[in-house]
Amino acid sequence: MLKRNKAPGLDHVTYEEYETYLNTNIQKLVKRMKAGKYYPQPVRRVYISEGEGKIRPLGIPALEDKVVQMGITRILNAIFEPNFLDCSYGFRTGRSCHQALKRLDNTIMTKPVNHLIDADIRSFFDNVDHDWMMRMLAEKIADKNLLKIIKKFLKAGVIEADKLYQTEEGTPQGGILSPTLSNIYLHYILDLWMEEIIKRDMQGYVELLRYCDDFVVLVQYKKEAEEILKELEERLNK
C-alpha cells in the first residue's frame, strides 16, 4: 500500500489529490501504458539530516510512478520469488533480518564454521548495471512492454536543484521497485554463483547468508576463505 503522508515528487500530486479521481486517473494511466506512452518522471532528490551534521540523499518519485512501481513489484515478486534461494532474506515476504541473524547464529553453533567473510557491497543501488539487469529480467519475462517500462524507470533520471542528471546505472532512487530489482540482480551475480560455482569447488563447509546488499560467507577452512574473498572481490569489482 502507498503511504498517504509521503512528500510529493516532481508532479506535486498528493495521495489525497490522486484519490479524489482515482478511477479516472487509473483508467488514463492504464491507457497510456498499453499505448506505450507512459514515461516515468525523474525522481526528485532531496537531502535529509541524520544528526551530527550528517545528511543523506532521498529520492522521491512522482505519485503515479509509485503506483506503477507497486504493480510491477508485485508482478516481479510473483515471477522471481519461487526461484530465489534460501540464503536470501532481505525484502522478501515472510523473511526478516531477525530470521537471518537467527540462522547465522544457528549455523555458527552447529556447523564446522571457523572463518567468516562479512561484506557490504559499496554503493550497490547506485551501481547496478542496466544492461545486465535487463538481461536477468528477460530470463523470465516475455512481455516486451513490461520490460520497456522497467527500463524507462531505470533511465528516468534524477532532478536535484532544478538540474536533470541522467541515470546510466543504478536502480530507481526511493522507489518501491528498487529492493525487488536488487534481489533479482544479486540472485544471479551472487547467490547462484556462490551455490553453483564456488561451493562446488570447495572441500570444506561454505554457506552464504544475504540480506539485500549485506552478506556473510561462512567457511570451514582458512585457505578456502581467502580464496573465496579473492573471487568475491574480482566478481563484484567487474
C-alpha atoms as a PDB file:
ATOM      1  CA  MET A   1       0.000   0.000   0.000  1.00  0.00           C
ATOM      2  CA  LEU A   2       1.115   3.567  -0.705  1.00  0.00           C
ATOM      3  CA  LYS A   3       1.717   5.742   2.329  1.00  0.00           C
ATOM      4  CA  ARG A   4      -0.543   8.783   2.432  1.00  0.00           C
ATOM      5  CA  ASN A   5       1.825  11.112   4.276  1.00  0.00           C
ATOM      6  CA  LYS A   6       4.782  10.875   1.901  1.00  0.00           C
ATOM      7  CA  ALA A   7       6.155  14.037   0.276  1.00  0.00           C
ATOM      8  CA  PRO A   8       5.164  14.534  -3.396  1.00  0.00           C
ATOM      9  CA  GLY A   9       7.572  14.120  -6.286  1.00  0.00           C
ATOM     10  CA  LEU A  10       8.020  16.360  -9.332  1.00  0.00           C
ATOM     11  CA  ASP A  11       4.311  16.151 -10.122  1.00  0.00           C
ATOM     12  CA  HIS A  12       3.469  17.791  -6.756  1.00  0.00           C
ATOM     13  CA  VAL A  13       0.450  15.463  -6.614  1.00  0.00           C
ATOM     14  CA  THR A  14      -0.503  14.177  -3.166  1.00  0.00           C
ATOM     15  CA  TYR A  15      -2.195  10.883  -2.349  1.00  0.00           C
ATOM     16  CA  GLU A  16      -5.418  12.705  -1.447  1.00  0.00           C
ATOM     17  CA  GLU A  17      -5.498  14.613  -4.737  1.00  0.00           C
ATOM     18  CA  TYR A  18      -4.933  11.500  -6.835  1.00  0.00           C
ATOM     19  CA  GLU A  19      -7.516   9.564  -4.842  1.00  0.00           C
ATOM     20  CA  THR A  20     -10.210  12.187  -5.498  1.00  0.00           C
ATOM     21  CA  TYR A  21     -10.495  10.999  -9.117  1.00  0.00           C
ATOM     22  CA  LEU A  22      -8.898   7.606  -8.571  1.00  0.00           C
ATOM     23  CA  ASN A  23     -10.858   5.549 -11.115  1.00  0.00           C
ATOM     24  CA  THR A  24     -10.405   8.139 -13.852  1.00  0.00           C
ATOM     25  CA  ASN A  25      -6.710   8.540 -13.083  1.00  0.00           C
ATOM     26  CA  ILE A  26      -6.099   4.785 -13.133  1.00  0.00           C
ATOM     27  CA  GLN A  27      -8.019   4.351 -16.391  1.00  0.00           C
ATOM     28  CA  LYS A  28      -5.947   7.077 -18.058  1.00  0.00           C
ATOM     29  CA  LEU A  29      -2.754   5.574 -16.679  1.00  0.00           C
ATOM     30  CA  VAL A  30      -3.567   2.082 -17.976  1.00  0.00           C
ATOM     31  CA  LYS A  31      -4.468   3.511 -21.382  1.00  0.00           C
ATOM     32  CA  ARG A  32      -1.108   5.293 -21.638  1.00  0.00           C
ATOM     33  CA  MET A  33       0.761   2.177 -20.542  1.00  0.00           C
ATOM     34  CA  LYS A  34      -0.968  -0.039 -23.116  1.00  0.00           C
ATOM     35  CA  ALA A  35      -0.227   2.515 -25.839  1.00  0.00           C
ATOM     36  CA  GLY A  36       3.437   2.704 -24.861  1.00  0.00           C
ATOM     37  CA  LYS A  37       3.039   6.380 -23.951  1.00  0.00           C
ATOM     38  CA  TYR A  38       3.756   6.122 -20.249  1.00  0.00           C
ATOM     39  CA  TYR A  39       7.042   7.693 -19.184  1.00  0.00           C
ATOM     40  CA  PRO A  40       8.136   7.848 -15.543  1.00  0.00           C
ATOM     41  CA  GLN A  41       9.169  11.270 -14.321  1.00  0.00           C
ATOM     42  CA  PRO A  42      12.660  11.899 -12.948  1.00  0.00           C
ATOM     43  CA  VAL A  43      12.985  11.309  -9.224  1.00  0.00           C
ATOM     44  CA  ARG A  44      13.149  14.427  -7.048  1.00  0.00           C
ATOM     45  CA  ARG A  45      16.255  14.256  -4.875  1.00  0.00           C
ATOM     46  CA  VAL A  46      16.374  15.993  -1.513  1.00  0.00           C
ATOM     47  CA  TYR A  47      18.703  15.679   1.452  1.00  0.00           C
ATOM     48  CA  ILE A  48      17.645  14.883   4.988  1.00  0.00           C
ATOM     49  CA  SER A  49      19.559  15.286   8.212  1.00  0.00           C
ATOM     50  CA  GLU A  50      20.791  12.231  10.101  1.00  0.00           C
ATOM     51  CA  GLY A  51      22.115  14.264  13.020  1.00  0.00           C
ATOM     52  CA  GLU A  52      25.658  15.228  13.955  1.00  0.00           C
ATOM     53  CA  GLY A  53      25.959  17.267  10.773  1.00  0.00           C
ATOM     54  CA  LYS A  54      25.412  14.260   8.517  1.00  0.00           C
ATOM     55  CA  ILE A  55      22.951  14.225   5.624  1.00  0.00           C
ATOM     56  CA  ARG A  56      21.823  11.556   3.195  1.00  0.00           C
ATOM     57  CA  PRO A  57      20.102  11.774  -0.199  1.00  0.00           C
ATOM     58  CA  LEU A  58      16.455  10.778  -0.518  1.00  0.00           C
ATOM     59  CA  GLY A  59      14.717  10.092  -3.823  1.00  0.00           C
ATOM     60  CA  ILE A  60      11.026  10.982  -4.139  1.00  0.00           C
ATOM     61  CA  PRO A  61       9.187   9.563  -7.190  1.00  0.00           C
ATOM     62  CA  ALA A  62       6.012  11.091  -8.616  1.00  0.00           C
ATOM     63  CA  LEU A  63       2.881   9.559  -7.104  1.00  0.00           C
ATOM     64  CA  GLU A  64       1.681   7.912 -10.306  1.00  0.00           C
ATOM     65  CA  ASP A  65       5.114   6.377 -10.761  1.00  0.00           C
ATOM     66  CA  LYS A  66       4.809   4.888  -7.276  1.00  0.00           C
ATOM     67  CA  VAL A  67       1.523   3.288  -8.330  1.00  0.00           C
ATOM     68  CA  VAL A  68       3.136   1.723 -11.399  1.00  0.00           C
ATOM     69  CA  GLN A  69       6.190   0.599  -9.445  1.00  0.00           C
ATOM     70  CA  MET A  70       3.986  -1.133  -6.897  1.00  0.00           C
ATOM     71  CA  GLY A  71       2.191  -3.034  -9.653  1.00  0.00           C
ATOM     72  CA  ILE A  72       5.453  -4.059 -11.318  1.00  0.00           C
ATOM     73  CA  THR A  73       6.908  -5.114  -7.966  1.00  0.00           C
ATOM     74  CA  ARG A  74       4.004  -7.487  -7.363  1.00  0.00           C
ATOM     75  CA  ILE A  75       4.441  -8.999 -10.820  1.00  0.00           C
ATOM     76  CA  LEU A  76       8.193  -9.448 -10.396  1.00  0.00           C
ATOM     77  CA  ASN A  77       7.803 -11.000  -6.963  1.00  0.00           C
ATOM     78  CA  ALA A  78       5.270 -13.489  -8.322  1.00  0.00           C
ATOM     79  CA  ILE A  79       7.672 -14.448 -11.121  1.00  0.00           C
ATOM     80  CA  PHE A  80      11.029 -14.484  -9.342  1.00  0.00           C
ATOM     81  CA  GLU A  81      10.247 -15.290  -5.701  1.00  0.00           C
ATOM     82  CA  PRO A  82       9.893 -19.063  -6.324  1.00  0.00           C
ATOM     83  CA  ASN A  83      13.421 -19.062  -7.781  1.00  0.00           C
ATOM     84  CA  PHE A  84      15.171 -17.143  -5.010  1.00  0.00           C
ATOM     85  CA  LEU A  85      17.487 -19.229  -2.863  1.00  0.00           C
ATOM     86  CA  ASP A  86      17.075 -19.907   0.831  1.00  0.00           C
ATOM     87  CA  CYS A  87      20.173 -17.817   1.635  1.00  0.00           C
ATOM     88  CA  SER A  88      18.379 -14.546   0.767  1.00  0.00           C
ATOM     89  CA  TYR A  89      16.422 -12.735   3.498  1.00  0.00           C
ATOM     90  CA  GLY A  90      16.060  -9.073   2.523  1.00  0.00           C
ATOM     91  CA  PHE A  91      12.771  -7.583   1.282  1.00  0.00           C
ATOM     92  CA  ARG A  92      11.054 -10.938   0.938  1.00  0.00           C
ATOM     93  CA  THR A  93       7.603 -11.763   2.279  1.00  0.00           C
ATOM     94  CA  GLY A  94       7.798 -13.869   5.426  1.00  0.00           C
ATOM     95  CA  ARG A  95      11.521 -13.213   5.880  1.00  0.00           C
ATOM     96  CA  SER A  96      13.299 -10.723   8.100  1.00  0.00           C
ATOM     97  CA  CYS A  97      16.616  -9.512   9.432  1.00  0.00           C
ATOM     98  CA  HIS A  98      15.893 -11.293  12.716  1.00  0.00           C
ATOM     99  CA  GLN A  99      15.472 -14.606  10.901  1.00  0.00           C
ATOM    100  CA  ALA A 100      18.756 -14.061   9.074  1.00  0.00           C
ATOM    101  CA  LEU A 101      20.565 -13.365  12.350  1.00  0.00           C
ATOM    102  CA  LYS A 102      18.979 -16.405  13.970  1.00  0.00           C
ATOM    103  CA  ARG A 103      20.109 -18.623  11.108  1.00  0.00           C
ATOM    104  CA  LEU A 104      23.591 -17.105  11.262  1.00  0.00           C
ATOM    105  CA  ASP A 105      23.830 -17.897  14.963  1.00  0.00           C
ATOM    106  CA  ASN A 106      22.491 -21.416  14.466  1.00  0.00           C
ATOM    107  CA  THR A 107      24.875 -22.125  11.585  1.00  0.00           C
ATOM    108  CA  ILE A 108      27.910 -20.955  13.544  1.00  0.00           C
ATOM    109  CA  MET A 109      26.891 -23.090  16.514  1.00  0.00           C
ATOM    110  CA  THR A 110      26.023 -26.275  14.629  1.00  0.00           C
ATOM    111  CA  LYS A 111      28.248 -26.331  11.521  1.00  0.00           C
ATOM    112  CA  PRO A 112      32.044 -26.535  11.117  1.00  0.00           C
ATOM    113  CA  VAL A 113      32.462 -22.776  10.676  1.00  0.00           C
ATOM    114  CA  ASN A 114      35.885 -21.370  11.538  1.00  0.00           C
ATOM    115  CA  HIS A 115      36.064 -18.289   9.305  1.00  0.00           C
ATOM    116  CA  LEU A 116      33.588 -15.583   8.323  1.00  0.00           C
ATOM    117  CA  ILE A 117      33.630 -13.086   5.453  1.00  0.00           C
ATOM    118  CA  ASP A 118      31.476 -10.054   6.323  1.00  0.00           C
ATOM    119  CA  ALA A 119      30.718  -7.819   3.324  1.00  0.00           C
ATOM    120  CA  ASP A 120      28.628  -4.827   2.285  1.00  0.00           C
ATOM    121  CA  ILE A 121      28.584  -4.036  -1.438  1.00  0.00           C
ATOM    122  CA  ARG A 122      29.654  -0.389  -1.645  1.00  0.00           C
ATOM    123  CA  SER A 123      27.021   1.920  -3.231  1.00  0.00           C
ATOM    124  CA  PHE A 124      25.253  -1.116  -4.657  1.00  0.00           C
ATOM    125  CA  PHE A 125      21.944   0.574  -5.518  1.00  0.00           C
ATOM    126  CA  ASP A 126      23.788   3.330  -7.411  1.00  0.00           C
ATOM    127  CA  ASN A 127      25.927   0.964  -9.472  1.00  0.00           C
ATOM    128  CA  VAL A 128      23.601  -1.735 -10.799  1.00  0.00           C
ATOM    129  CA  ASP A 129      24.445  -2.342 -14.463  1.00  0.00           C
ATOM    130  CA  HIS A 130      21.334  -1.644 -16.539  1.00  0.00           C
ATOM    131  CA  ASP A 131      22.221  -3.973 -19.408  1.00  0.00           C
ATOM    132  CA  TRP A 132      22.788  -6.909 -17.074  1.00  0.00           C
ATOM    133  CA  MET A 133      19.648  -6.035 -15.113  1.00  0.00           C
ATOM    134  CA  MET A 134      17.530  -6.174 -18.261  1.00  0.00           C
ATOM    135  CA  ARG A 135      19.123  -9.473 -19.341  1.00  0.00           C
ATOM    136  CA  MET A 136      18.288 -11.002 -15.986  1.00  0.00           C
ATOM    137  CA  LEU A 137      14.686  -9.824 -16.190  1.00  0.00           C
ATOM    138  CA  ALA A 138      14.359 -11.145 -19.745  1.00  0.00           C
ATOM    139  CA  GLU A 139      15.301 -14.617 -18.477  1.00  0.00           C
ATOM    140  CA  LYS A 140      11.797 -14.944 -17.008  1.00  0.00           C
ATOM    141  CA  ILE A 141       9.742 -12.183 -18.645  1.00  0.00           C
ATOM    142  CA  ALA A 142       8.476 -12.483 -22.215  1.00  0.00           C
ATOM    143  CA  ASP A 143       6.303  -9.340 -22.116  1.00  0.00           C
ATOM    144  CA  LYS A 144       8.309  -6.752 -24.086  1.00  0.00           C
ATOM    145  CA  ASN A 145       6.059  -3.907 -22.959  1.00  0.00           C
ATOM    146  CA  LEU A 146       6.714  -4.674 -19.288  1.00  0.00           C
ATOM    147  CA  LEU A 147      10.459  -4.818 -19.932  1.00  0.00           C
ATOM    148  CA  LYS A 148      10.315  -1.458 -21.714  1.00  0.00           C
ATOM    149  CA  ILE A 149       8.517   0.154 -18.780  1.00  0.00           C
ATOM    150  CA  ILE A 150      11.082  -1.189 -16.301  1.00  0.00           C
ATOM    151  CA  LYS A 151      13.900   0.137 -18.487  1.00  0.00           C
ATOM    152  CA  LYS A 152      12.188   3.537 -18.557  1.00  0.00           C
ATOM    153  CA  PHE A 153      12.293   3.580 -14.767  1.00  0.00           C
ATOM    154  CA  LEU A 154      15.996   2.747 -14.789  1.00  0.00           C
ATOM    155  CA  LYS A 155      16.665   5.600 -17.231  1.00  0.00           C
ATOM    156  CA  ALA A 156      14.219   8.157 -15.770  1.00  0.00           C
ATOM    157  CA  GLY A 157      16.919  10.332 -14.219  1.00  0.00           C
ATOM    158  CA  VAL A 158      17.128  12.467 -11.096  1.00  0.00           C
ATOM    159  CA  ILE A 159      16.286  16.135 -10.533  1.00  0.00           C
ATOM    160  CA  GLU A 160      18.369  17.974  -7.965  1.00  0.00           C
ATOM    161  CA  ALA A 161      18.280  21.769  -7.540  1.00  0.00           C
ATOM    162  CA  ASP A 162      16.359  22.067 -10.844  1.00  0.00           C
ATOM    163  CA  LYS A 163      19.065  20.189 -12.753  1.00  0.00           C
ATOM    164  CA  LEU A 164      18.463  16.871 -14.500  1.00  0.00           C
ATOM    165  CA  TYR A 165      21.011  14.099 -14.017  1.00  0.00           C
ATOM    166  CA  GLN A 166      20.818  11.100 -16.331  1.00  0.00           C
ATOM    167  CA  THR A 167      20.852   7.661 -14.710  1.00  0.00           C
ATOM    168  CA  GLU A 168      23.066   5.333 -16.728  1.00  0.00           C
ATOM    169  CA  GLU A 169      23.378   2.850 -13.878  1.00  0.00           C
ATOM    170  CA  GLY A 170      21.690   2.072 -10.581  1.00  0.00           C
ATOM    171  CA  THR A 171      18.103   1.293  -9.549  1.00  0.00           C
ATOM    172  CA  PRO A 172      15.290   3.888  -9.195  1.00  0.00           C
ATOM    173  CA  GLN A 173      16.096   6.037  -6.160  1.00  0.00           C
ATOM    174  CA  GLY A 174      13.494   5.973  -3.429  1.00  0.00           C
ATOM    175  CA  GLY A 175      11.375   3.605  -5.465  1.00  0.00           C
ATOM    176  CA  ILE A 176       9.256   0.692  -4.302  1.00  0.00           C
ATOM    177  CA  LEU A 177      10.735  -1.258  -7.199  1.00  0.00           C
ATOM    178  CA  SER A 178      14.397  -0.999  -6.174  1.00  0.00           C
ATOM    179  CA  PRO A 179      14.512  -3.678  -3.429  1.00  0.00           C
ATOM    180  CA  THR A 180      12.958  -6.291  -5.714  1.00  0.00           C
ATOM    181  CA  LEU A 181      15.283  -5.403  -8.589  1.00  0.00           C
ATOM    182  CA  SER A 182      18.231  -5.646  -6.209  1.00  0.00           C
ATOM    183  CA  ASN A 183      17.197  -9.136  -5.106  1.00  0.00           C
ATOM    184  CA  ILE A 184      16.885 -10.284  -8.708  1.00  0.00           C
ATOM    185  CA  TYR A 185      20.283  -8.833  -9.592  1.00  0.00           C
ATOM    186  CA  LEU A 186      22.051 -10.332  -6.584  1.00  0.00           C
ATOM    187  CA  HIS A 187      20.282 -13.662  -7.070  1.00  0.00           C
ATOM    188  CA  TYR A 188      22.154 -14.034 -10.345  1.00  0.00           C
ATOM    189  CA  ILE A 189      25.509 -12.404  -9.642  1.00  0.00           C
ATOM    190  CA  LEU A 190      25.982 -13.632  -6.075  1.00  0.00           C
ATOM    191  CA  ASP A 191      23.553 -16.267  -4.778  1.00  0.00           C
ATOM    192  CA  LEU A 192      23.578 -18.635  -7.769  1.00  0.00           C
ATOM    193  CA  TRP A 193      27.273 -18.064  -8.375  1.00  0.00           C
ATOM    194  CA  MET A 194      28.090 -18.976  -4.779  1.00  0.00           C
ATOM    195  CA  GLU A 195      25.802 -22.020  -4.818  1.00  0.00           C
ATOM    196  CA  GLU A 196      26.652 -23.454  -8.232  1.00  0.00           C
ATOM    197  CA  ILE A 197      30.272 -22.397  -8.768  1.00  0.00           C
ATOM    198  CA  ILE A 198      32.075 -21.557  -5.532  1.00  0.00           C
ATOM    199  CA  LYS A 199      30.605 -24.203  -3.208  1.00  0.00           C
ATOM    200  CA  ARG A 200      31.098 -26.881  -5.842  1.00  0.00           C
ATOM    201  CA  ASP A 201      34.852 -26.222  -5.946  1.00  0.00           C
ATOM    202  CA  MET A 202      35.414 -26.153  -2.177  1.00  0.00           C
ATOM    203  CA  GLN A 203      36.344 -29.129   0.002  1.00  0.00           C
ATOM    204  CA  GLY A 204      35.047 -27.735   3.303  1.00  0.00           C
ATOM    205  CA  TYR A 205      31.776 -26.254   4.509  1.00  0.00           C
ATOM    206  CA  VAL A 206      30.681 -22.986   2.823  1.00  0.00           C
ATOM    207  CA  GLU A 207      27.427 -21.086   3.383  1.00  0.00           C
ATOM    208  CA  LEU A 208      26.185 -17.707   2.121  1.00  0.00           C
ATOM    209  CA  LEU A 209      23.621 -15.634   4.045  1.00  0.00           C
ATOM    210  CA  ARG A 210      22.442 -12.384   2.455  1.00  0.00           C
ATOM    211  CA  TYR A 211      20.192  -9.501   3.467  1.00  0.00           C
ATOM    212  CA  CYS A 212      19.933  -7.288   0.389  1.00  0.00           C
ATOM    213  CA  ASP A 213      23.474  -5.971  -0.285  1.00  0.00           C
ATOM    214  CA  ASP A 214      24.846  -7.066   3.098  1.00  0.00           C
ATOM    215  CA  PHE A 215      26.073 -10.638   3.283  1.00  0.00           C
ATOM    216  CA  VAL A 216      28.311 -13.065   5.109  1.00  0.00           C
ATOM    217  CA  VAL A 217      30.067 -16.181   3.878  1.00  0.00           C
ATOM    218  CA  LEU A 218      30.709 -18.852   6.492  1.00  0.00           C
ATOM    219  CA  VAL A 219      33.717 -21.028   5.712  1.00  0.00           C
ATOM    220  CA  GLN A 220      35.366 -24.040   7.321  1.00  0.00           C
ATOM    221  CA  TYR A 221      38.942 -23.689   6.070  1.00  0.00           C
ATOM    222  CA  LYS A 222      41.135 -20.577   6.158  1.00  0.00           C
ATOM    223  CA  LYS A 223      42.718 -21.202   2.761  1.00  0.00           C
ATOM    224  CA  GLU A 224      39.306 -21.540   1.135  1.00  0.00           C
ATOM    225  CA  ALA A 225      38.038 -18.409   2.919  1.00  0.00           C
ATOM    226  CA  GLU A 226      40.967 -16.466   1.447  1.00  0.00           C
ATOM    227  CA  GLU A 227      40.255 -17.918  -1.989  1.00  0.00           C
ATOM    228  CA  ILE A 228      36.548 -17.042  -1.785  1.00  0.00           C
ATOM    229  CA  LEU A 229      37.351 -13.483  -0.655  1.00  0.00           C
ATOM    230  CA  LYS A 230      39.630 -13.016  -3.654  1.00  0.00           C
ATOM    231  CA  GLU A 231      36.979 -14.408  -6.017  1.00  0.00           C
ATOM    232  CA  LEU A 232      34.335 -12.117  -4.473  1.00  0.00           C
ATOM    233  CA  GLU A 233      36.480  -9.019  -4.901  1.00  0.00           C
ATOM    234  CA  GLU A 234      37.140  -9.851  -8.539  1.00  0.00           C
ATOM    235  CA  ARG A 235      33.496 -10.599  -9.294  1.00  0.00           C
ATOM    236  CA  LEU A 236      31.965  -7.598  -7.527  1.00  0.00           C
ATOM    237  CA  ASN A 237      34.521  -5.154  -8.937  1.00  0.00           C
ATOM    238  CA  LYS A 238      33.676  -6.019 -12.542  1.00  0.00           C
END
